[in-house]
Structure formats: C-alpha cells, structure tokens
Amino acid sequence: MISKNIIEKVQKPEIILPRLVNESWSRTLMQRLAKELDSDSEVVLNAEKVDWISPCGTILLADFAIKRLQRNKKVSIKMPYHSETKQYVISSGLLKITQSTNINDAIDKNNIQLRLLYRMEPMVPEDLSDFIARQAKNVNDDEKYLLRMWITELLTNANDHAKSDFGFWVCGRYNPSDHNIRICVADSGIGIKQSLVNADKLPKNIDDAHAIEKALEEGMTSRTGKTGGLGLKHISSYVKSHGGSLTIFSGLGKAYLARKTKRIMKHERYQGTIVSVMFNTKTISGDELLTLDQTPFRFE
C-alpha cells in the first residue's frame, strides 16, 4: 500500500530550472510557469543545477510565487548547489517569497535588489544604483548618476503606462565575471500595444511584436501631447553604443537589440511588459582607469 506522503510527493509539480536562468530561456520558462500557475498542488522550483539567475529570471520566478500566494497556493524552491547562486537566492529575497504564506510577509521593503512597487518611489533608483555601484566597485559618481537616470526612466514608464493594480517589479544585479550590470523592470499591466492603441498612436489590428518595434521609434509615446518614445529609443541607443543589450517582452511580442543585432519576433505571452537592460562596465584597462569620456555610461 502506497502511503499518503509518497502520493503527495509524486503529485507535486516540479519546474526544473536550467543552469542559466536568463532571457534566452524565457519562452520555455514562461510556458512552464503559466502551466502551473493555478495548480492545486504545491509547485516546486528546482534550482539545484542553477549557476546564474538574471534579474529578468528573478522577477519571473518571484512574480509567479506572488501570484500563487494571491490564489492561496504554495511554492517552494530547491536551493542551488552553486554557493554564490544559493546566496543570491537568499539575499535577493526570492527564498523568502517562496517560503511565505501571505504577500505582506513575502516582500521585504528594505531589500533593494528585488522590489515590488505599487507606485513610483523616488528613492528606489538612487538606492539601487548605489547598491550596484558598490558591487561593481569601479563605477564613479558620474556613471552612477547616469545609471540612476536610466533606472528612473524604466520605473517611470512602468508607473505611467502599466495601469496595473498588481504593481511593478524592479531587480538589479552586477555580474563580476563579465563586468555587466543588469536591470529589469516588469509590470502586469496592459502592455505596450494597448497603451499606444489607447493613445490613438497605433491601429487596433497591429500585433504585439510590431507594436514594440513602433515603440522604439523616435517620438513614439502614449503620453498625450508629449514625445519621448516611452524612453525606449534613447535607452536602446545607449546600451548598443556601450556593448550592452535591451530585451523587451510585451503581450505576444519580443524585441532584442544589441550593437549589431535587432530581432523582433512573436513570443510566449507575457501579461504586461518586461524591459531588461544590460550595461557593460569595463571601465578598467589593465591597471589604469579609463578617462571619463571612455567610460561605458556615455551617450552616442
């Protein structure tokens, strides 16, 4: 006779995460998370073989766990064997979210690495840029100012355009192995297409992928009587000129932009918009710091 404990263990859905939980694995990850969102059984996030989790991956996992909490359903996580990644799961607050039984306990409002905001909080960009600058160690005050400016732009976009009661996420992380800062902002709102359609800037029959492409054009914005292109045009130019990349998910669309690459495509559905940015921070040449005009946080 099979015991009840064995039956419960077998029935628990388990999502096995890849070694690198990042944007390149987003389609499969979104599919698996969507499939198990309403599962009655406790869902297990198996991160045992994970070596790296990007801010985008962190937000997708945290968002899944929080939305499960809203449904009074459990999520647990099998911790990574990789020591640095295990520490990141703890310090980012992802472990706390998966261990919580209600939303109020799940989100640590003092943890700047991963935050769920219900409105724009002016100190968050400064706190996050300070946190990342301390990790990177070679980001001077001028560079930190520009970093803070772009975090503010991303958060303002989410705050102004999302129209989501759930709020919006922000997560930042520095990767010392490739000298890259990664910042991700995500909301569960109406998406880029609907935002621009509502503002009479795009036709209703446009698909999400082409709506994202249009949003990257100079001057395209859903703000009435204003220009600015949701800030995405300027951010894409910025990251491309400094060896970085910009990835956008919205509805059924995805855009990826780097210095010599632009890919606009259909994608697994995401309810809302994710903007994931990577900045290169190679400000050191040998043992000497580069001059200010050579540092990565410069405009084209």
Protein backbone atom coordinates (compact mmCIF):
# COMPACT_ATOMS: atom_id res chain seq x y z
CA MET A 1 0.00 0.00 0.00
CA ILE A 2 1.40 3.42 -1.02
CA SER A 3 1.50 5.91 1.83
CA LYS A 4 -0.22 9.29 1.60
CA ASN A 5 3.15 11.10 1.90
CA ILE A 6 4.54 9.29 -1.14
CA ILE A 7 1.42 10.11 -3.19
CA GLU A 8 1.65 13.80 -2.25
CA LYS A 9 5.34 13.88 -3.16
CA VAL A 10 4.73 12.32 -6.56
CA GLN A 11 1.89 14.71 -7.34
CA LYS A 12 3.85 17.91 -6.66
CA PRO A 13 4.54 19.66 -9.98
CA GLU A 14 8.26 20.41 -10.31
CA ILE A 15 9.73 23.02 -12.64
CA ILE A 16 13.37 22.15 -13.29
CA LEU A 17 15.28 25.36 -13.94
CA PRO A 18 18.25 25.47 -16.36
CA ARG A 19 21.84 26.22 -15.43
CA LEU A 20 21.40 29.82 -16.61
CA VAL A 21 18.01 31.37 -15.83
CA ASN A 22 18.03 34.33 -18.21
CA GLU A 23 16.26 35.96 -21.14
CA SER A 24 17.37 33.31 -23.63
CA TRP A 25 15.36 30.69 -21.71
CA SER A 26 12.35 32.98 -21.27
CA ARG A 27 9.97 31.26 -23.69
CA THR A 28 10.21 27.85 -22.02
CA LEU A 29 10.21 29.34 -18.53
CA MET A 30 7.10 31.43 -19.21
CA GLN A 31 5.34 28.38 -20.65
CA ARG A 32 6.10 26.23 -17.61
CA LEU A 33 5.19 28.92 -15.10
CA ALA A 34 1.91 29.67 -16.88
CA LYS A 35 1.05 25.97 -16.96
CA GLU A 36 1.48 25.58 -13.20
CA LEU A 37 0.13 28.94 -12.06
CA ASP A 38 -3.24 27.54 -10.97
CA SER A 39 -2.06 24.09 -9.94
CA ASP A 40 -3.79 22.91 -6.77
CA SER A 41 -0.64 21.16 -5.57
CA GLU A 42 2.43 22.90 -4.18
CA VAL A 43 4.74 23.82 -7.08
CA VAL A 44 8.45 23.13 -6.63
CA LEU A 45 11.02 25.34 -8.35
CA ASN A 46 14.02 23.04 -8.74
CA ALA A 47 17.07 25.34 -8.84
CA GLU A 48 19.61 22.73 -7.77
CA LYS A 49 21.66 22.94 -11.00
CA VAL A 50 21.34 26.71 -11.47
CA ASP A 51 24.61 28.67 -11.68
CA TRP A 52 23.18 32.10 -12.54
CA ILE A 53 19.84 33.90 -12.30
CA SER A 54 19.43 37.16 -14.17
CA PRO A 55 17.18 39.94 -12.80
CA CYS A 56 14.66 39.03 -15.53
CA GLY A 57 14.68 35.40 -14.36
CA THR A 58 14.44 36.51 -10.73
CA ILE A 59 11.37 38.62 -11.46
CA LEU A 60 9.64 35.85 -13.44
CA LEU A 61 10.11 33.42 -10.53
CA ALA A 62 9.15 35.97 -7.86
CA ASP A 63 6.10 37.12 -9.84
CA PHE A 64 4.98 33.50 -10.22
CA ALA A 65 5.33 32.87 -6.48
CA ILE A 66 3.47 36.06 -5.51
CA LYS A 67 0.60 35.36 -7.90
CA ARG A 68 0.38 31.86 -6.45
CA LEU A 69 0.17 33.43 -2.99
CA GLN A 70 -2.72 35.59 -4.20
CA ARG A 71 -4.51 32.34 -5.04
CA ASN A 72 -3.63 30.85 -1.64
CA LYS A 73 -1.39 28.28 -3.32
CA LYS A 74 2.12 27.25 -2.30
CA VAL A 75 5.51 27.46 -3.99
CA SER A 76 8.76 26.04 -2.69
CA ILE A 77 12.29 26.09 -4.04
CA LYS A 78 15.08 23.53 -4.07
CA MET A 79 18.17 25.61 -3.45
CA PRO A 80 21.11 25.73 -5.90
CA TYR A 81 24.23 23.68 -5.23
CA HIS A 82 26.26 26.61 -6.59
CA SER A 83 27.25 28.58 -3.47
CA GLU A 84 27.14 32.10 -4.94
CA THR A 85 23.78 31.48 -6.60
CA LYS A 86 22.43 30.00 -3.38
CA GLN A 87 23.48 33.16 -1.55
CA TYR A 88 21.82 35.29 -4.25
CA VAL A 89 18.51 33.43 -3.87
CA ILE A 90 18.68 34.29 -0.18
CA SER A 91 19.92 37.89 -0.41
CA SER A 92 17.60 38.86 -3.27
CA GLY A 93 14.56 37.85 -1.23
CA LEU A 94 13.49 35.13 -3.66
CA LEU A 95 13.77 32.43 -0.98
CA LYS A 96 11.70 34.48 1.46
CA ILE A 97 8.96 34.91 -1.15
CA THR A 98 8.73 31.16 -1.76
CA GLN A 99 8.63 30.44 1.97
CA SER A 100 5.91 32.98 2.79
CA THR A 101 2.23 32.30 3.32
CA ASN A 102 0.98 35.82 2.53
CA ILE A 103 2.05 38.76 0.38
CA ASN A 104 2.67 41.16 3.25
CA ASP A 105 5.31 38.86 4.70
CA ALA A 106 6.77 37.89 1.34
CA ILE A 107 8.09 41.27 0.19
CA ASP A 108 10.94 42.83 2.13
CA LYS A 109 10.50 46.58 1.60
CA ASN A 110 14.07 47.20 2.74
CA ASN A 111 15.61 44.86 0.16
CA ILE A 112 16.75 46.95 -2.79
CA GLN A 113 17.84 44.03 -5.02
CA LEU A 114 14.27 42.96 -5.71
CA ARG A 115 11.27 45.18 -5.09
CA LEU A 116 7.58 45.12 -5.87
CA LEU A 117 6.35 48.72 -6.15
CA TYR A 118 2.76 49.90 -6.25
CA ARG A 119 3.76 53.42 -7.23
CA MET A 120 6.91 55.28 -8.19
CA GLU A 121 9.18 55.70 -5.16
CA PRO A 122 11.82 58.41 -5.82
CA MET A 123 14.49 56.85 -3.59
CA VAL A 124 14.45 53.42 -5.27
CA PRO A 125 16.55 54.42 -8.34
CA GLU A 126 19.16 56.06 -6.09
CA ASP A 127 19.26 53.13 -3.67
CA LEU A 128 19.53 50.57 -6.47
CA SER A 129 22.24 52.49 -8.34
CA ASP A 130 24.19 52.86 -5.08
CA PHE A 131 23.82 49.13 -4.38
CA ILE A 132 25.02 48.10 -7.85
CA ALA A 133 27.87 50.63 -7.79
CA ARG A 134 29.11 49.12 -4.54
CA GLN A 135 29.06 45.68 -6.15
CA ALA A 136 30.84 46.83 -9.31
CA LYS A 137 33.38 48.87 -7.28
CA ASN A 138 34.62 50.84 -10.31
CA VAL A 139 31.51 52.94 -11.05
CA ASN A 140 32.32 56.59 -10.37
CA ASP A 141 29.81 59.29 -9.39
CA ASP A 142 29.18 60.46 -12.96
CA GLU A 143 28.48 56.94 -14.15
CA LYS A 144 26.29 56.28 -11.13
CA TYR A 145 24.24 59.38 -11.93
CA LEU A 146 23.56 58.13 -15.46
CA LEU A 147 22.73 54.66 -14.13
CA ARG A 148 20.24 56.21 -11.72
CA MET A 149 18.73 58.24 -14.56
CA TRP A 150 18.01 55.13 -16.63
CA ILE A 151 16.56 53.22 -13.69
CA THR A 152 14.28 56.21 -13.08
CA GLU A 153 13.22 56.20 -16.74
CA LEU A 154 12.36 52.50 -16.68
CA LEU A 155 10.38 52.78 -13.44
CA THR A 156 8.56 55.91 -14.61
CA ASN A 157 7.50 54.10 -17.78
CA ALA A 158 6.10 51.20 -15.75
CA ASN A 159 4.38 53.58 -13.34
CA ASP A 160 2.83 55.73 -16.10
CA HIS A 161 1.93 53.16 -18.73
CA ALA A 162 1.24 49.85 -16.99
CA LYS A 163 -2.14 50.66 -15.41
CA SER A 164 -1.74 47.59 -13.23
CA ASP A 165 -3.31 47.11 -9.80
CA PHE A 166 -0.66 44.50 -9.06
CA GLY A 167 2.23 46.98 -9.29
CA PHE A 168 5.60 46.56 -10.96
CA TRP A 169 8.88 44.82 -10.21
CA VAL A 170 12.43 46.11 -10.31
CA CYS A 171 15.54 43.99 -9.90
CA GLY A 172 19.21 44.78 -10.43
CA ARG A 173 22.37 42.73 -10.31
CA TYR A 174 26.06 43.03 -11.14
CA ASN A 175 27.88 40.06 -12.66
CA PRO A 176 31.62 40.30 -11.91
CA SER A 177 32.51 37.52 -14.35
CA ASP A 178 31.59 39.65 -17.39
CA HIS A 179 31.57 43.15 -15.83
CA ASN A 180 27.89 43.64 -16.67
CA ILE A 181 25.14 45.40 -14.79
CA ARG A 182 21.68 44.03 -15.47
CA ILE A 183 18.47 45.84 -14.60
CA CYS A 184 14.96 44.55 -15.19
CA VAL A 185 11.60 46.27 -14.71
CA ALA A 186 8.37 44.34 -15.25
CA ASP A 187 4.68 45.02 -14.83
CA SER A 188 1.46 43.04 -15.26
CA GLY A 189 -0.35 45.88 -16.97
CA ILE A 190 -2.00 46.45 -20.34
CA GLY A 191 1.17 46.12 -22.42
CA ILE A 192 2.88 48.37 -24.97
CA LYS A 193 0.40 47.68 -27.77
CA GLN A 194 -2.71 48.53 -25.78
CA SER A 195 -1.06 51.58 -24.26
CA LEU A 196 -0.30 53.02 -27.71
CA VAL A 197 -3.65 51.93 -29.18
CA ASN A 198 -5.47 53.69 -26.32
CA ALA A 199 -3.49 56.84 -27.14
CA ASP A 200 -4.55 56.57 -30.83
CA LYS A 201 -0.92 56.12 -31.87
CA LEU A 202 -1.34 52.63 -33.36
CA PRO A 203 -4.17 50.73 -35.14
CA LYS A 204 -6.03 48.09 -33.16
CA ASN A 205 -5.08 45.31 -35.59
CA ILE A 206 -1.31 45.67 -35.09
CA ASP A 207 0.37 42.70 -33.41
CA ASP A 208 2.41 42.96 -30.22
CA ALA A 209 5.80 42.43 -31.88
CA HIS A 210 5.29 45.29 -34.34
CA ALA A 211 3.87 47.47 -31.55
CA ILE A 212 7.14 47.03 -29.65
CA GLU A 213 9.07 47.93 -32.81
CA LYS A 214 7.00 51.10 -33.20
CA ALA A 215 7.56 51.99 -29.54
CA LEU A 216 11.30 52.04 -30.27
CA GLU A 217 10.88 54.80 -32.84
CA GLU A 218 11.84 58.37 -32.05
CA GLY A 219 8.94 60.39 -30.65
CA MET A 220 6.51 57.47 -30.20
CA THR A 221 4.75 57.78 -26.85
CA SER A 222 1.37 57.17 -25.26
CA ARG A 223 1.66 60.36 -23.21
CA THR A 224 -0.83 62.87 -24.58
CA GLY A 225 0.82 65.88 -26.18
CA LYS A 226 4.34 64.68 -25.41
CA THR A 227 7.22 63.00 -27.17
CA GLY A 228 9.77 60.57 -25.88
CA GLY A 229 9.04 57.14 -27.30
CA LEU A 230 8.44 55.58 -23.86
CA GLY A 231 12.16 56.22 -23.29
CA LEU A 232 12.96 53.03 -25.19
CA LYS A 233 14.54 54.69 -28.24
CA HIS A 234 17.10 56.51 -26.11
CA ILE A 235 17.77 53.54 -23.87
CA SER A 236 18.34 51.24 -26.87
CA SER A 237 20.84 53.69 -28.38
CA TYR A 238 22.57 53.95 -25.05
CA VAL A 239 23.04 50.24 -24.45
CA LYS A 240 24.01 49.45 -28.05
CA SER A 241 26.76 52.06 -28.04
CA HIS A 242 28.32 50.52 -24.92
CA GLY A 243 28.30 46.82 -25.68
CA GLY A 244 25.00 46.17 -23.93
CA SER A 245 21.59 44.86 -24.91
CA LEU A 246 17.91 45.65 -24.46
CA THR A 247 15.26 42.93 -24.33
CA ILE A 248 11.55 43.72 -24.27
CA PHE A 249 8.64 41.33 -23.74
CA SER A 250 5.08 42.59 -24.09
CA GLY A 251 1.97 40.59 -24.87
CA LEU A 252 2.89 38.09 -27.57
CA GLY A 253 5.93 40.04 -28.75
CA LYS A 254 9.64 40.21 -28.03
CA ALA A 255 12.40 42.56 -29.15
CA TYR A 256 16.13 42.09 -28.70
CA LEU A 257 18.55 44.87 -29.54
CA ALA A 258 22.32 44.97 -29.32
CA ARG A 259 25.01 46.92 -31.21
CA LYS A 260 24.73 44.96 -34.47
CA THR A 261 21.57 42.99 -33.78
CA LYS A 262 17.85 43.73 -33.91
CA ARG A 263 15.34 40.93 -33.60
CA ILE A 264 11.57 41.48 -33.45
CA MET A 265 9.53 38.32 -33.06
CA LYS A 266 6.45 36.62 -31.67
CA HIS A 267 6.90 35.11 -28.23
CA GLU A 268 5.19 33.29 -25.42
CA ARG A 269 2.56 35.60 -23.93
CA TYR A 270 3.51 37.84 -21.02
CA GLN A 271 0.70 39.80 -19.39
CA GLY A 272 2.22 43.26 -19.27
CA THR A 273 5.71 44.42 -20.19
CA ILE A 274 9.23 43.41 -19.24
CA VAL A 275 12.19 45.63 -20.07
CA SER A 276 15.56 44.03 -19.37
CA VAL A 277 18.73 46.07 -19.87
CA MET A 278 22.38 45.08 -19.70
CA PHE A 279 25.16 47.67 -19.38
CA ASN A 280 28.84 46.85 -19.82
CA THR A 281 31.02 48.26 -17.04
CA LYS A 282 34.51 47.57 -18.34
CA THR A 283 35.99 50.83 -17.10
CA ILE A 284 39.39 49.32 -16.41
CA SER A 285 42.15 48.86 -18.96
CA GLY A 286 44.96 46.88 -17.39
CA ASP A 287 45.61 48.54 -14.06
CA GLU A 288 44.59 52.02 -15.21
CA LEU A 289 41.13 53.56 -15.13
CA LEU A 290 39.85 54.86 -18.46
CA THR A 291 39.22 58.58 -18.79
CA LEU A 292 35.68 59.80 -18.12
CA ASP A 293 34.81 60.13 -21.83
CA GLN A 294 35.77 56.48 -22.33
CA THR A 295 33.60 55.07 -19.58
CA PRO A 296 30.57 52.98 -20.56
CA PHE A 297 27.78 55.26 -19.36
CA ARG A 298 28.09 57.70 -22.27
CA PHE A 299 25.63 58.74 -24.95
CA GLU A 300 26.32 58.13 -28.63
